[in-house]
Amino acid sequence: MEIGYQFLDSIEFYSIGESGDLTYFRGGDLLPFQDRAISHHNFVFPLDIKVGETRTILIRVESSSTVQVPLAIYTTDALRKSERSYRLG
Protein backbone atom coordinates (compact mmCIF):
# COMPACT_ATOMS: atom_id res chain seq x y z
CA MET A 1 0.00 0.00 0.00
CA GLU A 2 1.37 3.40 -0.98
CA ILE A 3 0.74 6.76 0.65
CA GLY A 4 1.52 9.20 -2.14
CA TYR A 5 2.34 12.26 -0.02
CA GLN A 6 5.93 12.67 1.16
CA PHE A 7 5.49 15.36 3.82
CA LEU A 8 3.87 13.43 6.67
CA ASP A 9 5.85 13.52 9.92
CA SER A 10 4.60 10.27 11.41
CA ILE A 11 2.63 7.32 10.02
CA GLU A 12 1.54 4.23 11.92
CA PHE A 13 0.21 1.39 9.78
CA TYR A 14 -1.74 -1.51 11.29
CA SER A 15 -3.08 -4.53 9.42
CA ILE A 16 -5.34 -6.81 11.47
CA GLY A 17 -6.45 -10.22 10.25
CA GLU A 18 -9.68 -12.05 10.96
CA SER A 19 -7.92 -14.16 13.61
CA GLY A 20 -6.56 -11.04 15.32
CA ASP A 21 -3.01 -11.29 13.95
CA LEU A 22 -1.42 -7.85 13.78
CA THR A 23 1.16 -6.37 11.44
CA TYR A 24 2.62 -2.96 12.37
CA PHE A 25 4.92 -0.56 10.51
CA ARG A 26 6.09 2.99 11.14
CA GLY A 27 6.89 5.65 8.59
CA GLY A 28 7.03 9.38 8.07
CA ASP A 29 9.60 11.98 7.16
CA LEU A 30 10.94 12.10 10.75
CA LEU A 31 12.03 8.46 10.46
CA PRO A 32 15.39 7.81 8.74
CA PHE A 33 14.94 6.65 5.14
CA GLN A 34 16.81 3.38 5.80
CA ASP A 35 14.19 2.50 8.46
CA ARG A 36 11.30 2.48 5.98
CA ALA A 37 9.48 -0.82 5.45
CA ILE A 38 10.18 -0.51 1.70
CA SER A 39 12.76 1.87 0.16
CA HIS A 40 10.60 4.13 -2.01
CA HIS A 41 10.20 7.88 -2.57
CA ASN A 42 6.67 7.67 -1.12
CA PHE A 43 5.68 5.74 1.98
CA VAL A 44 5.01 2.10 1.01
CA PHE A 45 3.93 -0.62 3.41
CA PRO A 46 3.73 -4.34 2.56
CA LEU A 47 0.16 -5.57 2.51
CA ASP A 48 -0.28 -9.32 2.04
CA ILE A 49 -3.93 -10.26 1.58
CA LYS A 50 -4.87 -13.70 0.34
CA VAL A 51 -7.85 -14.32 -1.94
CA GLY A 52 -11.01 -14.40 0.19
CA GLU A 53 -9.24 -12.99 3.25
CA THR A 54 -10.53 -9.97 5.14
CA ARG A 55 -8.14 -7.57 6.89
CA THR A 56 -8.78 -4.34 8.75
CA ILE A 57 -6.34 -1.54 7.93
CA LEU A 58 -5.78 1.35 10.34
CA ILE A 59 -3.55 4.30 9.54
CA ARG A 60 -2.62 7.02 12.02
CA VAL A 61 -1.01 10.15 10.58
CA GLU A 62 0.54 13.22 12.20
CA SER A 63 2.12 16.23 10.54
CA SER A 64 3.06 19.79 11.39
CA SER A 65 2.04 20.82 7.88
CA THR A 66 -0.83 19.99 5.53
CA VAL A 67 -2.19 16.46 5.89
CA GLN A 68 -3.07 14.54 2.77
CA VAL A 69 -3.30 10.75 2.64
CA PRO A 70 -3.72 9.63 -0.97
CA LEU A 71 -3.77 5.81 -0.85
CA ALA A 72 -3.07 3.27 -3.57
CA ILE A 73 -2.98 -0.50 -3.28
CA TYR A 74 -0.78 -2.25 -5.83
CA THR A 75 0.40 -5.70 -6.67
CA THR A 76 4.20 -5.95 -6.53
CA ASP A 77 4.42 -5.75 -10.35
CA ALA A 78 2.08 -2.76 -10.54
CA LEU A 79 4.14 -0.91 -7.90
CA ARG A 80 7.30 -1.52 -9.95
CA LYS A 81 5.59 -0.18 -13.10
CA SER A 82 4.34 2.87 -11.21
CA GLU A 83 7.85 3.55 -9.88
CA ARG A 84 9.36 3.14 -13.35
CA SER A 85 6.83 5.61 -14.81
CA TYR A 86 7.58 8.09 -12.01
CA ARG A 87 11.34 7.91 -12.60
CA LEU A 88 11.09 8.16 -16.39
CA GLY A 89 8.65 11.07 -16.22
PDB file of N, CA and C in Angstrom:
ATOM      1  N   MET A   1       0.837  -1.155   0.000  1.00  0.00           N
ATOM      2  CA  MET A   1       0.000   0.000   0.000  1.00  0.00           C
ATOM      3  C   MET A   1       0.892   1.232   0.000  1.00  0.00           C
ATOM      4  N   GLU A   2       0.568   2.184  -0.844  1.00  0.00           N
ATOM      5  CA  GLU A   2       1.367   3.398  -0.978  1.00  0.00           C
ATOM      6  C   GLU A   2       0.587   4.615  -0.493  1.00  0.00           C
ATOM      7  N   ILE A   3       1.260   5.448   0.295  1.00  0.00           N
ATOM      8  CA  ILE A   3       0.738   6.762   0.646  1.00  0.00           C
ATOM      9  C   ILE A   3       1.532   7.754  -0.194  1.00  0.00           C
ATOM     10  N   GLY A   4       0.860   8.369  -1.143  1.00  0.00           N
ATOM     11  CA  GLY A   4       1.520   9.201  -2.136  1.00  0.00           C
ATOM     12  C   GLY A   4       1.689  10.650  -1.734  1.00  0.00           C
ATOM     13  N   TYR A   5       2.081  10.894  -0.486  1.00  0.00           N
ATOM     14  CA  TYR A   5       2.343  12.255  -0.025  1.00  0.00           C
ATOM     15  C   TYR A   5       3.552  12.189   0.898  1.00  0.00           C
ATOM     16  N   GLN A   6       4.626  12.860   0.524  1.00  0.00           N
ATOM     17  CA  GLN A   6       5.930  12.669   1.160  1.00  0.00           C
ATOM     18  C   GLN A   6       6.175  13.528   2.392  1.00  0.00           C
ATOM     19  N   PHE A   7       5.232  14.382   2.766  1.00  0.00           N
ATOM     20  CA  PHE A   7       5.489  15.356   3.821  1.00  0.00           C
ATOM     21  C   PHE A   7       4.743  15.073   5.118  1.00  0.00           C
ATOM     22  N   LEU A   8       4.529  13.817   5.427  1.00  0.00           N
ATOM     23  CA  LEU A   8       3.873  13.428   6.669  1.00  0.00           C
ATOM     24  C   LEU A   8       4.936  13.107   7.711  1.00  0.00           C
ATOM     25  N   ASP A   9       4.827  13.706   8.883  1.00  0.00           N
ATOM     26  CA  ASP A   9       5.846  13.522   9.918  1.00  0.00           C
ATOM     27  C   ASP A   9       5.860  12.107  10.486  1.00  0.00           C
ATOM     28  N   SER A  10       4.692  11.573  10.760  1.00  0.00           N
ATOM     29  CA  SER A  10       4.595  10.268  11.414  1.00  0.00           C
ATOM     30  C   SER A  10       3.418   9.483  10.844  1.00  0.00           C
ATOM     31  N   ILE A  11       3.681   8.219  10.512  1.00  0.00           N
ATOM     32  CA  ILE A  11       2.633   7.318  10.019  1.00  0.00           C
ATOM     33  C   ILE A  11       2.739   6.020  10.806  1.00  0.00           C
ATOM     34  N   GLU A  12       1.618   5.555  11.303  1.00  0.00           N
ATOM     35  CA  GLU A  12       1.544   4.232  11.922  1.00  0.00           C
ATOM     36  C   GLU A  12       0.560   3.411  11.108  1.00  0.00           C
ATOM     37  N   PHE A  13       0.991   2.262  10.652  1.00  0.00           N
ATOM     38  CA  PHE A  13       0.206   1.390   9.782  1.00  0.00           C
ATOM     39  C   PHE A  13      -0.061   0.084  10.517  1.00  0.00           C
ATOM     40  N   TYR A  14      -1.334  -0.269  10.631  1.00  0.00           N
ATOM     41  CA  TYR A  14      -1.741  -1.512  11.289  1.00  0.00           C
ATOM     42  C   TYR A  14      -2.579  -2.326  10.309  1.00  0.00           C
ATOM     43  N   SER A  15      -2.288  -3.608  10.214  1.00  0.00           N
ATOM     44  CA  SER A  15      -3.082  -4.531   9.419  1.00  0.00           C
ATOM     45  C   SER A  15      -3.503  -5.666  10.352  1.00  0.00           C
ATOM     46  N   ILE A  16      -4.814  -5.834  10.513  1.00  0.00           N
ATOM     47  CA  ILE A  16      -5.344  -6.807  11.471  1.00  0.00           C
ATOM     48  C   ILE A  16      -6.148  -7.860  10.721  1.00  0.00           C
ATOM     49  N   GLY A  17      -5.769  -9.112  10.912  1.00  0.00           N
ATOM     50  CA  GLY A  17      -6.445 -10.222  10.252  1.00  0.00           C
ATOM     51  C   GLY A  17      -7.687 -10.673  11.000  1.00  0.00           C
ATOM     52  N   GLU A  18      -8.439 -11.527  10.368  1.00  0.00           N
ATOM     53  CA  GLU A  18      -9.682 -12.047  10.964  1.00  0.00           C
ATOM     54  C   GLU A  18      -9.423 -12.777  12.277  1.00  0.00           C
ATOM     55  N   SER A  19      -8.248 -13.414  12.392  1.00  0.00           N
ATOM     56  CA  SER A  19      -7.920 -14.156  13.611  1.00  0.00           C
ATOM     57  C   SER A  19      -7.304 -13.264  14.683  1.00  0.00           C
ATOM     58  N   GLY A  20      -7.132 -11.965  14.370  1.00  0.00           N
ATOM     59  CA  GLY A  20      -6.556 -11.039  15.324  1.00  0.00           C
ATOM     60  C   GLY A  20      -5.063 -10.825  15.157  1.00  0.00           C
ATOM     61  N   ASP A  21      -4.441 -11.507  14.181  1.00  0.00           N
ATOM     62  CA  ASP A  21      -3.008 -11.293  13.954  1.00  0.00           C
ATOM     63  C   ASP A  21      -2.769  -9.852  13.514  1.00  0.00           C
ATOM     64  N   LEU A  22      -1.696  -9.269  13.996  1.00  0.00           N
ATOM     65  CA  LEU A  22      -1.422  -7.849  13.782  1.00  0.00           C
ATOM     66  C   LEU A  22      -0.076  -7.661  13.099  1.00  0.00           C
ATOM     67  N   THR A  23      -0.070  -6.806  12.081  1.00  0.00           N
ATOM     68  CA  THR A  23       1.164  -6.367  11.442  1.00  0.00           C
ATOM     69  C   THR A  23       1.252  -4.862  11.642  1.00  0.00           C
ATOM     70  N   TYR A  24       2.432  -4.374  12.042  1.00  0.00           N
ATOM     71  CA  TYR A  24       2.616  -2.960  12.365  1.00  0.00           C
ATOM     72  C   TYR A  24       3.879  -2.438  11.691  1.00  0.00           C
ATOM     73  N   PHE A  25       3.765  -1.247  11.088  1.00  0.00           N
ATOM     74  CA  PHE A  25       4.918  -0.563  10.507  1.00  0.00           C
ATOM     75  C   PHE A  25       4.836   0.909  10.863  1.00  0.00           C
ATOM     76  N   ARG A  26       6.000   1.548  10.946  1.00  0.00           N
ATOM     77  CA  ARG A  26       6.086   2.990  11.143  1.00  0.00           C
ATOM     78  C   ARG A  26       6.672   3.630   9.909  1.00  0.00           C
ATOM     79  N   GLY A  27       6.328   4.887   9.696  1.00  0.00           N
ATOM     80  CA  GLY A  27       6.888   5.651   8.592  1.00  0.00           C
ATOM     81  C   GLY A  27       6.767   7.129   8.898  1.00  0.00           C
ATOM     82  N   GLY A  28       7.105   7.936   7.920  1.00  0.00           N
ATOM     83  CA  GLY A  28       7.033   9.375   8.066  1.00  0.00           C
ATOM     84  C   GLY A  28       8.372  10.017   7.793  1.00  0.00           C
ATOM     85  N   ASP A  29       8.358  11.325   7.528  1.00  0.00           N
ATOM     86  CA  ASP A  29       9.604  11.984   7.163  1.00  0.00           C
ATOM     87  C   ASP A  29      10.518  12.261   8.358  1.00  0.00           C
ATOM     88  N   LEU A  30      10.065  11.988   9.586  1.00  0.00           N
ATOM     89  CA  LEU A  30      10.935  12.101  10.752  1.00  0.00           C
ATOM     90  C   LEU A  30      11.729  10.820  11.000  1.00  0.00           C
ATOM     91  N   LEU A  31      11.343   9.739  10.338  1.00  0.00           N
ATOM     92  CA  LEU A  31      12.029   8.457  10.462  1.00  0.00           C
ATOM     93  C   LEU A  31      13.132   8.393   9.402  1.00  0.00           C
ATOM     94  N   PRO A  32      14.334   7.919   9.754  1.00  0.00           N
ATOM     95  CA  PRO A  32      15.389   7.811   8.742  1.00  0.00           C
ATOM     96  C   PRO A  32      14.947   6.947   7.552  1.00  0.00           C
ATOM     97  N   PHE A  33      15.356   7.352   6.352  1.00  0.00           N
ATOM     98  CA  PHE A  33      14.939   6.652   5.138  1.00  0.00           C
ATOM     99  C   PHE A  33      15.248   5.158   5.214  1.00  0.00           C
ATOM    100  N   GLN A  34      16.416   4.799   5.749  1.00  0.00           N
ATOM    101  CA  GLN A  34      16.807   3.382   5.802  1.00  0.00           C
ATOM    102  C   GLN A  34      15.921   2.560   6.735  1.00  0.00           C
ATOM    103  N   ASP A  35      15.100   3.217   7.560  1.00  0.00           N
ATOM    104  CA  ASP A  35      14.194   2.501   8.464  1.00  0.00           C
ATOM    105  C   ASP A  35      12.809   2.266   7.865  1.00  0.00           C
ATOM    106  N   ARG A  36      12.600   2.694   6.624  1.00  0.00           N
ATOM    107  CA  ARG A  36      11.295   2.479   5.984  1.00  0.00           C
ATOM    108  C   ARG A  36      11.074   0.991   5.709  1.00  0.00           C
ATOM    109  N   ALA A  37       9.821   0.575   5.728  1.00  0.00           N
ATOM    110  CA  ALA A  37       9.480  -0.825   5.447  1.00  0.00           C
ATOM    111  C   ALA A  37       9.931  -1.213   4.045  1.00  0.00           C
ATOM    112  N   ILE A  38       9.763  -0.297   3.087  1.00  0.00           N
ATOM    113  CA  ILE A  38      10.182  -0.508   1.702  1.00  0.00           C
ATOM    114  C   ILE A  38      10.845   0.784   1.233  1.00  0.00           C
ATOM    115  N   SER A  39      12.043   0.686   0.663  1.00  0.00           N
ATOM    116  CA  SER A  39      12.756   1.872   0.162  1.00  0.00           C
ATOM    117  C   SER A  39      12.035   2.399  -1.073  1.00  0.00           C
ATOM    118  N   HIS A  40      11.423   3.550  -0.940  1.00  0.00           N
ATOM    119  CA  HIS A  40      10.602   4.131  -2.009  1.00  0.00           C
ATOM    120  C   HIS A  40      10.482   5.621  -1.731  1.00  0.00           C
ATOM    121  N   HIS A  41      10.304   6.438  -2.779  1.00  0.00           N
ATOM    122  CA  HIS A  41      10.203   7.881  -2.575  1.00  0.00           C
ATOM    123  C   HIS A  41       8.930   8.278  -1.825  1.00  0.00           C
ATOM    124  N   ASN A  42       7.875   7.482  -1.941  1.00  0.00           N
ATOM    125  CA  ASN A  42       6.673   7.669  -1.122  1.00  0.00           C
ATOM    126  C   ASN A  42       6.729   6.675   0.031  1.00  0.00           C
ATOM    127  N   PHE A  43       5.734   6.690   0.875  1.00  0.00           N
ATOM    128  CA  PHE A  43       5.677   5.736   1.978  1.00  0.00           C
ATOM    129  C   PHE A  43       4.916   4.498   1.506  1.00  0.00           C
ATOM    130  N   VAL A  44       5.591   3.355   1.496  1.00  0.00           N
ATOM    131  CA  VAL A  44       5.006   2.102   1.012  1.00  0.00           C
ATOM    132  C   VAL A  44       5.109   1.067   2.123  1.00  0.00           C
ATOM    133  N   PHE A  45       3.993   0.400   2.376  1.00  0.00           N
ATOM    134  CA  PHE A  45       3.926  -0.623   3.406  1.00  0.00           C
ATOM    135  C   PHE A  45       3.479  -1.940   2.771  1.00  0.00           C
ATOM    136  N   PRO A  46       4.140  -3.048   3.118  1.00  0.00           N
ATOM    137  CA  PRO A  46       3.734  -4.340   2.559  1.00  0.00           C
ATOM    138  C   PRO A  46       2.350  -4.739   3.076  1.00  0.00           C
ATOM    139  N   LEU A  47       1.524  -5.182   2.169  1.00  0.00           N
ATOM    140  CA  LEU A  47       0.159  -5.574   2.512  1.00  0.00           C
ATOM    141  C   LEU A  47      -0.112  -6.904   1.819  1.00  0.00           C
ATOM    142  N   ASP A  48      -0.104  -7.975   2.596  1.00  0.00           N
ATOM    143  CA  ASP A  48      -0.276  -9.317   2.040  1.00  0.00           C
ATOM    144  C   ASP A  48      -1.680  -9.812   2.378  1.00  0.00           C
ATOM    145  N   ILE A  49      -2.560  -9.793   1.387  1.00  0.00           N
ATOM    146  CA  ILE A  49      -3.935 -10.255   1.584  1.00  0.00           C
ATOM    147  C   ILE A  49      -4.189 -11.405   0.618  1.00  0.00           C
ATOM    148  N   LYS A  50      -4.567 -12.526   1.155  1.00  0.00           N
ATOM    149  CA  LYS A  50      -4.870 -13.701   0.343  1.00  0.00           C
ATOM    150  C   LYS A  50      -6.276 -13.589  -0.240  1.00  0.00           C
ATOM    151  N   VAL A  51      -6.527 -14.299  -1.318  1.00  0.00           N
ATOM    152  CA  VAL A  51      -7.853 -14.321  -1.937  1.00  0.00           C
ATOM    153  C   VAL A  51      -8.874 -14.802  -0.911  1.00  0.00           C
ATOM    154  N   GLY A  52      -9.945 -14.048  -0.748  1.00  0.00           N
ATOM    155  CA  GLY A  52     -11.007 -14.398   0.187  1.00  0.00           C
ATOM    156  C   GLY A  52     -10.753 -13.960   1.623  1.00  0.00           C
ATOM    157  N   GLU A  53      -9.574 -13.425   1.902  1.00  0.00           N
ATOM    158  CA  GLU A  53      -9.235 -12.994   3.253  1.00  0.00           C
ATOM    159  C   GLU A  53      -9.747 -11.572   3.500  1.00  0.00           C
ATOM    160  N   THR A  54     -10.119 -11.305   4.734  1.00  0.00           N
ATOM    161  CA  THR A  54     -10.526  -9.968   5.138  1.00  0.00           C
ATOM    162  C   THR A  54      -9.521  -9.444   6.149  1.00  0.00           C
ATOM    163  N   ARG A  55      -9.051  -8.216   5.948  1.00  0.00           N
ATOM    164  CA  ARG A  55      -8.142  -7.570   6.887  1.00  0.00           C
ATOM    165  C   ARG A  55      -8.661  -6.169   7.172  1.00  0.00           C
ATOM    166  N   THR A  56      -8.455  -5.705   8.384  1.00  0.00           N
ATOM    167  CA  THR A  56      -8.782  -4.340   8.752  1.00  0.00           C
ATOM    168  C   THR A  56      -7.489  -3.539   8.723  1.00  0.00           C
ATOM    169  N   ILE A  57      -7.511  -2.398   8.044  1.00  0.00           N
ATOM    170  CA  ILE A  57      -6.338  -1.538   7.930  1.00  0.00           C
ATOM    171  C   ILE A  57      -6.608  -0.247   8.708  1.00  0.00           C
ATOM    172  N   LEU A  58      -5.699   0.095   9.590  1.00  0.00           N
ATOM    173  CA  LEU A  58      -5.782   1.347  10.341  1.00  0.00           C
ATOM    174  C   LEU A  58      -4.523   2.145  10.052  1.00  0.00           C
ATOM    175  N   ILE A  59      -4.689   3.427   9.805  1.00  0.00           N
ATOM    176  CA  ILE A  59      -3.553   4.303   9.537  1.00  0.00           C
ATOM    177  C   ILE A  59      -3.695   5.540  10.415  1.00  0.00           C
ATOM    178  N   ARG A  60      -2.656   5.825  11.174  1.00  0.00           N
ATOM    179  CA  ARG A  60      -2.623   7.024  12.022  1.00  0.00           C
ATOM    180  C   ARG A  60      -1.549   7.936  11.451  1.00  0.00           C
ATOM    181  N   VAL A  61      -1.920   9.202  11.223  1.00  0.00           N
ATOM    182  CA  VAL A  61      -1.015  10.150  10.580  1.00  0.00           C
ATOM    183  C   VAL A  61      -0.915  11.412  11.421  1.00  0.00           C
ATOM    184  N   GLU A  62       0.302  11.934  11.557  1.00  0.00           N
ATOM    185  CA  GLU A  62       0.536  13.222  12.197  1.00  0.00           C
ATOM    186  C   GLU A  62       1.456  14.041  11.313  1.00  0.00           C
ATOM    187  N   SER A  63       1.237  15.353  11.294  1.00  0.00           N
ATOM    188  CA  SER A  63       2.118  16.230  10.541  1.00  0.00           C
ATOM    189  C   SER A  63       1.991  17.653  11.063  1.00  0.00           C
ATOM    190  N   SER A  64       3.088  18.388  10.994  1.00  0.00           N
ATOM    191  CA  SER A  64       3.064  19.787  11.394  1.00  0.00           C
ATOM    192  C   SER A  64       2.638  20.680  10.226  1.00  0.00           C
ATOM    193  N   SER A  65       2.483  20.080   9.058  1.00  0.00           N
ATOM    194  CA  SER A  65       2.037  20.824   7.875  1.00  0.00           C
ATOM    195  C   SER A  65       0.733  20.213   7.364  1.00  0.00           C
ATOM    196  N   THR A  66       0.387  20.508   6.140  1.00  0.00           N
ATOM    197  CA  THR A  66      -0.834  19.988   5.533  1.00  0.00           C
ATOM    198  C   THR A  66      -0.863  18.464   5.585  1.00  0.00           C
ATOM    199  N   VAL A  67      -2.025  17.913   5.861  1.00  0.00           N
ATOM    200  CA  VAL A  67      -2.187  16.457   5.895  1.00  0.00           C
ATOM    201  C   VAL A  67      -3.020  16.014   4.702  1.00  0.00           C
ATOM    202  N   GLN A  68      -2.393  15.203   3.879  1.00  0.00           N
ATOM    203  CA  GLN A  68      -3.073  14.537   2.774  1.00  0.00           C
ATOM    204  C   GLN A  68      -2.676  13.070   2.860  1.00  0.00           C
ATOM    205  N   VAL A  69      -3.606  12.173   2.576  1.00  0.00           N
ATOM    206  CA  VAL A  69      -3.299  10.750   2.644  1.00  0.00           C
ATOM    207  C   VAL A  69      -3.864  10.053   1.405  1.00  0.00           C
ATOM    208  N   PRO A  70      -3.266  10.316   0.238  1.00  0.00           N
ATOM    209  CA  PRO A  70      -3.716   9.625  -0.965  1.00  0.00           C
ATOM    210  C   PRO A  70      -3.206   8.178  -0.956  1.00  0.00           C
ATOM    211  N   LEU A  71      -4.123   7.233  -0.961  1.00  0.00           N
ATOM    212  CA  LEU A  71      -3.768   5.812  -0.854  1.00  0.00           C
ATOM    213  C   LEU A  71      -3.882   5.106  -2.193  1.00  0.00           C
ATOM    214  N   ALA A  72      -2.990   4.155  -2.411  1.00  0.00           N
ATOM    215  CA  ALA A  72      -3.072   3.268  -3.570  1.00  0.00           C
ATOM    216  C   ALA A  72      -2.638   1.880  -3.115  1.00  0.00           C
ATOM    217  N   ILE A  73      -3.351   0.884  -3.573  1.00  0.00           N
ATOM    218  CA  ILE A  73      -2.983  -0.502  -3.284  1.00  0.00           C
ATOM    219  C   ILE A  73      -2.576  -1.145  -4.605  1.00  0.00           C
ATOM    220  N   TYR A  74      -1.361  -1.675  -4.622  1.00  0.00           N
ATOM    221  CA  TYR A  74      -0.777  -2.251  -5.831  1.00  0.00           C
ATOM    222  C   TYR A  74      -0.383  -3.701  -5.610  1.00  0.00           C
ATOM    223  N   THR A  75      -0.342  -4.451  -6.695  1.00  0.00           N
ATOM    224  CA  THR A  75       0.398  -5.702  -6.672  1.00  0.00           C
ATOM    225  C   THR A  75       1.873  -5.313  -6.743  1.00  0.00           C
ATOM    226  N   THR A  76       2.766  -6.241  -6.463  1.00  0.00           N
ATOM    227  CA  THR A  76       4.198  -5.951  -6.533  1.00  0.00           C
ATOM    228  C   THR A  76       4.593  -5.472  -7.923  1.00  0.00           C
ATOM    229  N   ASP A  77       4.095  -6.140  -8.970  1.00  0.00           N
ATOM    230  CA  ASP A  77       4.422  -5.748 -10.346  1.00  0.00           C
ATOM    231  C   ASP A  77       3.889  -4.362 -10.679  1.00  0.00           C
ATOM    232  N   ALA A  78       2.675  -4.070 -10.258  1.00  0.00           N
ATOM    233  CA  ALA A  78       2.076  -2.759 -10.545  1.00  0.00           C
ATOM    234  C   ALA A  78       2.845  -1.651  -9.829  1.00  0.00           C
ATOM    235  N   LEU A  79       3.338  -1.911  -8.620  1.00  0.00           N
ATOM    236  CA  LEU A  79       4.135  -0.914  -7.905  1.00  0.00           C
ATOM    237  C   LEU A  79       5.433  -0.642  -8.659  1.00  0.00           C
ATOM    238  N   ARG A  80       6.069  -1.692  -9.166  1.00  0.00           N
ATOM    239  CA  ARG A  80       7.299  -1.518  -9.954  1.00  0.00           C
ATOM    240  C   ARG A  80       7.034  -0.680 -11.202  1.00  0.00           C
ATOM    241  N   LYS A  81       5.937  -0.954 -11.894  1.00  0.00           N
ATOM    242  CA  LYS A  81       5.585  -0.185 -13.096  1.00  0.00           C
ATOM    243  C   LYS A  81       5.316   1.274 -12.748  1.00  0.00           C
ATOM    244  N   SER A  82       4.613   1.520 -11.651  1.00  0.00           N
ATOM    245  CA  SER A  82       4.342   2.869 -11.212  1.00  0.00           C
ATOM    246  C   SER A  82       5.644   3.608 -10.904  1.00  0.00           C
ATOM    247  N   GLU A  83       6.557   2.954 -10.220  1.00  0.00           N
ATOM    248  CA  GLU A  83       7.852   3.546  -9.876  1.00  0.00           C
ATOM    249  C   GLU A  83       8.655   3.850 -11.144  1.00  0.00           C
ATOM    250  N   ARG A  84       8.644   2.931 -12.084  1.00  0.00           N
ATOM    251  CA  ARG A  84       9.363   3.138 -13.349  1.00  0.00           C
ATOM    252  C   ARG A  84       8.788   4.356 -14.090  1.00  0.00           C
ATOM    253  N   SER A  85       7.470   4.460 -14.157  1.00  0.00           N
ATOM    254  CA  SER A  85       6.833   5.610 -14.811  1.00  0.00           C
ATOM    255  C   SER A  85       7.196   6.911 -14.114  1.00  0.00           C
ATOM    256  N   TYR A  86       7.229   6.901 -12.775  1.00  0.00           N
ATOM    257  CA  TYR A  86       7.584   8.089 -12.009  1.00  0.00           C
ATOM    258  C   TYR A  86       9.006   8.536 -12.336  1.00  0.00           C
ATOM    259  N   ARG A  87       9.926   7.581 -12.375  1.00  0.00           N
ATOM    260  CA  ARG A  87      11.344   7.914 -12.604  1.00  0.00           C
ATOM    261  C   ARG A  87      11.617   8.355 -14.035  1.00  0.00           C
ATOM    262  N   LEU A  88      10.863   7.813 -14.988  1.00  0.00           N
ATOM    263  CA  LEU A  88      11.088   8.161 -16.393  1.00  0.00           C
ATOM    264  C   LEU A  88      10.326   9.418 -16.804  1.00  0.00           C
ATOM    265  N   GLY A  89       9.404   9.845 -15.954  1.00  0.00           N
ATOM    266  CA  GLY A  89       8.654  11.073 -16.219  1.00  0.00           C
ATOM    267  C   GLY A  89       7.567  10.809 -17.147  1.00  0.00           C
TER     268      GLY A  89
END
